[in-house]
Amino acid sequence: APGQTVAFLGTSGVGKSTLVNALFGSEQAE
């Protein structure tokens, strides 16, 4: 929800950056 802060934790290659981009609908993270 607006005003919230969320974090993606995990090892490399599990899709954290892909999830960041999915929530933005654009390429924000490599």
PDB file of all heavy atoms in Angstrom:
ATOM      1  N   ALA A   1       0.836  -1.195   0.000  1.00  0.00           N
ATOM      2  CA  ALA A   1       0.000   0.000   0.000  1.00  0.00           C
ATOM      3  C   ALA A   1       0.876   1.253   0.000  1.00  0.00           C
ATOM      4  O   ALA A   1       2.041   1.219   0.438  1.00  0.00           O
ATOM      5  CB  ALA A   1      -0.908   0.007   1.229  1.00  0.00           C
ATOM      6  N   PRO A   2       0.352   2.378  -0.487  1.00  0.00           N
ATOM      7  CA  PRO A   2       1.105   3.638  -0.455  1.00  0.00           C
ATOM      8  C   PRO A   2       1.555   3.971   0.965  1.00  0.00           C
ATOM      9  O   PRO A   2       0.827   3.773   1.931  1.00  0.00           O
ATOM     10  CB  PRO A   2       0.080   4.662  -0.970  1.00  0.00           C
ATOM     11  CG  PRO A   2      -0.826   3.872  -1.847  1.00  0.00           C
ATOM     12  CD  PRO A   2      -0.947   2.536  -1.165  1.00  0.00           C
ATOM     13  N   GLY A   3       2.777   4.484   1.081  1.00  0.00           N
ATOM     14  CA  GLY A   3       3.330   4.832   2.384  1.00  0.00           C
ATOM     15  C   GLY A   3       4.095   3.709   3.044  1.00  0.00           C
ATOM     16  O   GLY A   3       4.740   3.918   4.065  1.00  0.00           O
ATOM     17  N   GLN A   4       4.031   2.504   2.478  1.00  0.00           N
ATOM     18  CA  GLN A   4       4.734   1.349   3.044  1.00  0.00           C
ATOM     19  C   GLN A   4       6.142   1.233   2.460  1.00  0.00           C
ATOM     20  O   GLN A   4       6.422   1.717   1.361  1.00  0.00           O
ATOM     21  CB  GLN A   4       3.965   0.067   2.749  1.00  0.00           C
ATOM     22  CG  GLN A   4       2.617  -0.019   3.442  1.00  0.00           C
ATOM     23  CD  GLN A   4       2.759  -0.209   4.941  1.00  0.00           C
ATOM     24  OE1 GLN A   4       3.189  -1.256   5.413  1.00  0.00           O
ATOM     25  NE2 GLN A   4       2.393   0.817   5.704  1.00  0.00           N
ATOM     26  N   THR A   5       7.009   0.569   3.213  1.00  0.00           N
ATOM     27  CA  THR A   5       8.350   0.247   2.734  1.00  0.00           C
ATOM     28  C   THR A   5       8.518  -1.266   2.774  1.00  0.00           C
ATOM     29  O   THR A   5       8.317  -1.888   3.816  1.00  0.00           O
ATOM     30  CB  THR A   5       9.437   0.903   3.604  1.00  0.00           C
ATOM     31  OG1 THR A   5       9.315   2.326   3.522  1.00  0.00           O
ATOM     32  CG2 THR A   5      10.825   0.497   3.126  1.00  0.00           C
ATOM     33  N   VAL A   6       8.858  -1.854   1.641  1.00  0.00           N
ATOM     34  CA  VAL A   6       9.046  -3.299   1.559  1.00  0.00           C
ATOM     35  C   VAL A   6      10.484  -3.590   1.138  1.00  0.00           C
ATOM     36  O   VAL A   6      11.116  -2.788   0.446  1.00  0.00           O
ATOM     37  CB  VAL A   6       8.061  -3.951   0.564  1.00  0.00           C
ATOM     38  CG1 VAL A   6       6.621  -3.688   0.987  1.00  0.00           C
ATOM     39  CG2 VAL A   6       8.284  -3.447  -0.861  1.00  0.00           C
ATOM     40  N   ALA A   7      10.985  -4.728   1.574  1.00  0.00           N
ATOM     41  CA  ALA A   7      12.348  -5.135   1.228  1.00  0.00           C
ATOM     42  C   ALA A   7      12.333  -6.538   0.659  1.00  0.00           C
ATOM     43  O   ALA A   7      11.559  -7.386   1.113  1.00  0.00           O
ATOM     44  CB  ALA A   7      13.244  -5.081   2.459  1.00  0.00           C
ATOM     45  N   PHE A   8      13.181  -6.784  -0.319  1.00  0.00           N
ATOM     46  CA  PHE A   8      13.355  -8.116  -0.882  1.00  0.00           C
ATOM     47  C   PHE A   8      14.685  -8.673  -0.379  1.00  0.00           C
ATOM     48  O   PHE A   8      15.748  -8.102  -0.627  1.00  0.00           O
ATOM     49  CB  PHE A   8      13.343  -8.063  -2.411  1.00  0.00           C
ATOM     50  CG  PHE A   8      11.984  -7.763  -2.988  1.00  0.00           C
ATOM     51  CD1 PHE A   8      11.655  -6.496  -3.429  1.00  0.00           C
ATOM     52  CD2 PHE A   8      11.023  -8.762  -3.083  1.00  0.00           C
ATOM     53  CE1 PHE A   8      10.401  -6.215  -3.946  1.00  0.00           C
ATOM     54  CE2 PHE A   8       9.759  -8.495  -3.592  1.00  0.00           C
ATOM     55  CZ  PHE A   8       9.451  -7.217  -4.026  1.00  0.00           C
ATOM     56  N   LEU A   9      14.615  -9.785   0.366  1.00  0.00           N
ATOM     57  CA  LEU A   9      15.796 -10.421   0.931  1.00  0.00           C
ATOM     58  C   LEU A   9      15.957 -11.808   0.337  1.00  0.00           C
ATOM     59  O   LEU A   9      14.972 -12.489   0.047  1.00  0.00           O
ATOM     60  CB  LEU A   9      15.669 -10.531   2.457  1.00  0.00           C
ATOM     61  CG  LEU A   9      15.376  -9.254   3.241  1.00  0.00           C
ATOM     62  CD1 LEU A   9      15.185  -9.586   4.719  1.00  0.00           C
ATOM     63  CD2 LEU A   9      16.495  -8.240   3.069  1.00  0.00           C
ATOM     64  N   GLY A  10      17.195 -12.249   0.192  1.00  0.00           N
ATOM     65  CA  GLY A  10      17.445 -13.589  -0.328  1.00  0.00           C
ATOM     66  C   GLY A  10      18.825 -13.665  -0.954  1.00  0.00           C
ATOM     67  O   GLY A  10      19.579 -12.694  -0.970  1.00  0.00           O
ATOM     68  N   THR A  11      19.152 -14.823  -1.470  1.00  0.00           N
ATOM     69  CA  THR A  11      20.449 -15.013  -2.105  1.00  0.00           C
ATOM     70  C   THR A  11      20.412 -14.485  -3.536  1.00  0.00           C
ATOM     71  O   THR A  11      19.372 -14.059  -4.045  1.00  0.00           O
ATOM     72  CB  THR A  11      20.836 -16.501  -2.108  1.00  0.00           C
ATOM     73  OG1 THR A  11      19.782 -17.255  -2.737  1.00  0.00           O
ATOM     74  CG2 THR A  11      21.036 -17.021  -0.697  1.00  0.00           C
ATOM     75  N   SER A  12      21.545 -14.509  -4.202  1.00  0.00           N
ATOM     76  CA  SER A  12      21.633 -14.019  -5.576  1.00  0.00           C
ATOM     77  C   SER A  12      20.895 -14.940  -6.536  1.00  0.00           C
ATOM     78  O   SER A  12      20.891 -16.160  -6.365  1.00  0.00           O
ATOM     79  CB  SER A  12      23.100 -13.914  -6.007  1.00  0.00           C
ATOM     80  OG  SER A  12      23.795 -13.020  -5.177  1.00  0.00           O
ATOM     81  N   GLY A  13      20.266 -14.335  -7.525  1.00  0.00           N
ATOM     82  CA  GLY A  13      19.665 -15.118  -8.602  1.00  0.00           C
ATOM     83  C   GLY A  13      18.293 -15.678  -8.334  1.00  0.00           C
ATOM     84  O   GLY A  13      17.780 -16.452  -9.148  1.00  0.00           O
ATOM     85  N   VAL A  14      17.648 -15.293  -7.215  1.00  0.00           N
ATOM     86  CA  VAL A  14      16.322 -15.839  -6.908  1.00  0.00           C
ATOM     87  C   VAL A  14      15.198 -14.990  -7.489  1.00  0.00           C
ATOM     88  O   VAL A  14      14.027 -15.360  -7.406  1.00  0.00           O
ATOM     89  CB  VAL A  14      16.113 -16.012  -5.385  1.00  0.00           C
ATOM     90  CG1 VAL A  14      17.078 -17.044  -4.833  1.00  0.00           C
ATOM     91  CG2 VAL A  14      16.264 -14.679  -4.664  1.00  0.00           C
ATOM     92  N   GLY A  15      15.561 -13.835  -8.049  1.00  0.00           N
ATOM     93  CA  GLY A  15      14.546 -13.003  -8.699  1.00  0.00           C
ATOM     94  C   GLY A  15      14.163 -11.751  -7.947  1.00  0.00           C
ATOM     95  O   GLY A  15      13.119 -11.159  -8.229  1.00  0.00           O
ATOM     96  N   LYS A  16      14.995 -11.287  -6.990  1.00  0.00           N
ATOM     97  CA  LYS A  16      14.655 -10.090  -6.215  1.00  0.00           C
ATOM     98  C   LYS A  16      14.535  -8.862  -7.118  1.00  0.00           C
ATOM     99  O   LYS A  16      13.562  -8.103  -7.043  1.00  0.00           O
ATOM    100  CB  LYS A  16      15.701  -9.846  -5.128  1.00  0.00           C
ATOM    101  CG  LYS A  16      15.848 -10.987  -4.122  1.00  0.00           C
ATOM    102  CD  LYS A  16      16.717 -10.612  -2.951  1.00  0.00           C
ATOM    103  CE  LYS A  16      18.115 -10.193  -3.347  1.00  0.00           C
ATOM    104  NZ  LYS A  16      18.857 -11.296  -3.995  1.00  0.00           N
ATOM    105  N   SER A  17      15.541  -8.650  -7.972  1.00  0.00           N
ATOM    106  CA  SER A  17      15.519  -7.481  -8.850  1.00  0.00           C
ATOM    107  C   SER A  17      14.392  -7.578  -9.875  1.00  0.00           C
ATOM    108  O   SER A  17      13.794  -6.560 -10.246  1.00  0.00           O
ATOM    109  CB  SER A  17      16.870  -7.335  -9.555  1.00  0.00           C
ATOM    110  OG  SER A  17      17.901  -7.069  -8.617  1.00  0.00           O
ATOM    111  N   THR A  18      14.090  -8.774 -10.321  1.00  0.00           N
ATOM    112  CA  THR A  18      12.978  -8.962 -11.251  1.00  0.00           C
ATOM    113  C   THR A  18      11.663  -8.565 -10.586  1.00  0.00           C
ATOM    114  O   THR A  18      10.778  -7.965 -11.213  1.00  0.00           O
ATOM    115  CB  THR A  18      12.908 -10.426 -11.726  1.00  0.00           C
ATOM    116  OG1 THR A  18      14.146 -10.769 -12.364  1.00  0.00           O
ATOM    117  CG2 THR A  18      11.772 -10.625 -12.716  1.00  0.00           C
ATOM    118  N   LEU A  19      11.516  -8.880  -9.303  1.00  0.00           N
ATOM    119  CA  LEU A  19      10.316  -8.514  -8.566  1.00  0.00           C
ATOM    120  C   LEU A  19      10.224  -6.998  -8.384  1.00  0.00           C
ATOM    121  O   LEU A  19       9.135  -6.422  -8.468  1.00  0.00           O
ATOM    122  CB  LEU A  19      10.300  -9.207  -7.204  1.00  0.00           C
ATOM    123  CG  LEU A  19       9.985 -10.701  -7.230  1.00  0.00           C
ATOM    124  CD1 LEU A  19      10.286 -11.338  -5.876  1.00  0.00           C
ATOM    125  CD2 LEU A  19       8.531 -10.938  -7.599  1.00  0.00           C
ATOM    126  N   VAL A  20      11.363  -6.359  -8.130  1.00  0.00           N
ATOM    127  CA  VAL A  20      11.375  -4.898  -8.030  1.00  0.00           C
ATOM    128  C   VAL A  20      10.851  -4.291  -9.325  1.00  0.00           C
ATOM    129  O   VAL A  20       9.979  -3.409  -9.324  1.00  0.00           O
ATOM    130  CB  VAL A  20      12.799  -4.374  -7.735  1.00  0.00           C
ATOM    131  CG1 VAL A  20      12.847  -2.852  -7.851  1.00  0.00           C
ATOM    132  CG2 VAL A  20      13.258  -4.797  -6.345  1.00  0.00           C
ATOM    133  N   ASN A  21      11.365  -4.774 -10.449  1.00  0.00           N
ATOM    134  CA  ASN A  21      10.933  -4.260 -11.746  1.00  0.00           C
ATOM    135  C   ASN A  21       9.455  -4.540 -12.003  1.00  0.00           C
ATOM    136  O   ASN A  21       8.751  -3.732 -12.605  1.00  0.00           O
ATOM    137  CB  ASN A  21      11.785  -4.863 -12.860  1.00  0.00           C
ATOM    138  CG  ASN A  21      13.231  -4.402 -12.801  1.00  0.00           C
ATOM    139  OD1 ASN A  21      13.525  -3.333 -12.271  1.00  0.00           O
ATOM    140  ND2 ASN A  21      14.136  -5.199 -13.335  1.00  0.00           N
ATOM    141  N   ALA A  22       8.988  -5.703 -11.531  1.00  0.00           N
ATOM    142  CA  ALA A  22       7.583  -6.064 -11.749  1.00  0.00           C
ATOM    143  C   ALA A  22       6.657  -5.109 -11.005  1.00  0.00           C
ATOM    144  O   ALA A  22       5.600  -4.725 -11.522  1.00  0.00           O
ATOM    145  CB  ALA A  22       7.341  -7.498 -11.286  1.00  0.00           C
ATOM    146  N   LEU A  23       7.025  -4.703  -9.793  1.00  0.00           N
ATOM    147  CA  LEU A  23       6.190  -3.780  -9.034  1.00  0.00           C
ATOM    148  C   LEU A  23       6.205  -2.382  -9.634  1.00  0.00           C
ATOM    149  O   LEU A  23       5.242  -1.631  -9.501  1.00  0.00           O
ATOM    150  CB  LEU A  23       6.648  -3.730  -7.576  1.00  0.00           C
ATOM    151  CG  LEU A  23       6.443  -5.007  -6.755  1.00  0.00           C
ATOM    152  CD1 LEU A  23       6.864  -4.789  -5.305  1.00  0.00           C
ATOM    153  CD2 LEU A  23       4.991  -5.471  -6.806  1.00  0.00           C
ATOM    154  N   PHE A  24       7.301  -2.033 -10.303  1.00  0.00           N
ATOM    155  CA  PHE A  24       7.383  -0.738 -10.964  1.00  0.00           C
ATOM    156  C   PHE A  24       6.739  -0.754 -12.345  1.00  0.00           C
ATOM    157  O   PHE A  24       6.277   0.271 -12.835  1.00  0.00           O
ATOM    158  CB  PHE A  24       8.842  -0.307 -11.119  1.00  0.00           C
ATOM    159  CG  PHE A  24       9.367   0.474  -9.958  1.00  0.00           C
ATOM    160  CD1 PHE A  24       9.981  -0.161  -8.906  1.00  0.00           C
ATOM    161  CD2 PHE A  24       9.265   1.853  -9.915  1.00  0.00           C
ATOM    162  CE1 PHE A  24      10.470   0.543  -7.820  1.00  0.00           C
ATOM    163  CE2 PHE A  24       9.750   2.572  -8.843  1.00  0.00           C
ATOM    164  CZ  PHE A  24      10.361   1.920  -7.791  1.00  0.00           C
ATOM    165  N   GLY A  25       6.740  -1.940 -12.975  1.00  0.00           N
ATOM    166  CA  GLY A  25       6.280  -1.995 -14.353  1.00  0.00           C
ATOM    167  C   GLY A  25       7.310  -1.453 -15.310  1.00  0.00           C
ATOM    168  O   GLY A  25       7.005  -1.120 -16.463  1.00  0.00           O
ATOM    169  N   SER A  26       8.557  -1.345 -14.853  1.00  0.00           N
ATOM    170  CA  SER A  26       9.648  -0.844 -15.696  1.00  0.00           C
ATOM    171  C   SER A  26      10.974  -1.349 -15.142  1.00  0.00           C
ATOM    172  O   SER A  26      11.035  -1.892 -14.040  1.00  0.00           O
ATOM    173  CB  SER A  26       9.642   0.687 -15.734  1.00  0.00           C
ATOM    174  OG  SER A  26       9.869   1.214 -14.442  1.00  0.00           O
ATOM    175  N   GLU A  27      12.045  -1.160 -15.913  1.00  0.00           N
ATOM    176  CA  GLU A  27      13.358  -1.639 -15.505  1.00  0.00           C
ATOM    177  C   GLU A  27      14.000  -0.653 -14.529  1.00  0.00           C
ATOM    178  O   GLU A  27      14.544   0.368 -14.915  1.00  0.00           O
ATOM    179  CB  GLU A  27      14.263  -1.823 -16.735  1.00  0.00           C
ATOM    180  CG  GLU A  27      13.820  -2.923 -17.674  1.00  0.00           C
ATOM    181  CD  GLU A  27      13.915  -4.301 -17.036  1.00  0.00           C
ATOM    182  OE1 GLU A  27      14.893  -4.561 -16.311  1.00  0.00           O
ATOM    183  OE2 GLU A  27      13.009  -5.117 -17.267  1.00  0.00           O
ATOM    184  N   GLN A  28      13.910  -0.943 -13.265  1.00  0.00           N
ATOM    185  CA  GLN A  28      14.537  -0.130 -12.223  1.00  0.00           C
ATOM    186  C   GLN A  28      15.826  -0.759 -11.714  1.00  0.00           C
ATOM    187  O   GLN A  28      16.750  -0.073 -11.313  1.00  0.00           O
ATOM    188  CB  GLN A  28      13.574   0.049 -11.053  1.00  0.00           C
ATOM    189  CG  GLN A  28      12.308   0.806 -11.394  1.00  0.00           C
ATOM    190  CD  GLN A  28      12.553   2.272 -11.634  1.00  0.00           C
ATOM    191  OE1 GLN A  28      13.381   2.896 -10.966  1.00  0.00           O
ATOM    192  NE2 GLN A  28      11.838   2.841 -12.583  1.00  0.00           N
ATOM    193  N   ALA A  29      15.861  -2.080 -11.719  1.00  0.00           N
ATOM    194  CA  ALA A  29      17.012  -2.801 -11.184  1.00  0.00           C
ATOM    195  C   ALA A  29      17.545  -3.763 -12.236  1.00  0.00           C
ATOM    196  O   ALA A  29      16.780  -4.360 -12.994  1.00  0.00           O
ATOM    197  CB  ALA A  29      16.622  -3.568  -9.922  1.00  0.00           C
ATOM    198  N   GLU A  30      18.861  -3.900 -12.276  1.00  0.00           N
ATOM    199  CA  GLU A  30      19.487  -4.791 -13.249  1.00  0.00           C
ATOM    200  C   GLU A  30      19.220  -6.243 -12.877  1.00  0.00           C
ATOM    201  O   GLU A  30      19.252  -6.621 -11.701  1.00  0.00           O
ATOM    202  CB  GLU A  30      20.991  -4.534 -13.289  1.00  0.00           C
ATOM    203  CG  GLU A  30      21.723  -5.374 -14.328  1.00  0.00           C
ATOM    204  CD  GLU A  30      23.217  -5.130 -14.315  1.00  0.00           C
ATOM    205  OE1 GLU A  30      23.672  -4.240 -13.574  1.00  0.00           O
ATOM    206  OE2 GLU A  30      23.934  -5.843 -15.036  1.00  0.00           O
TER     207      GLU A  30
END
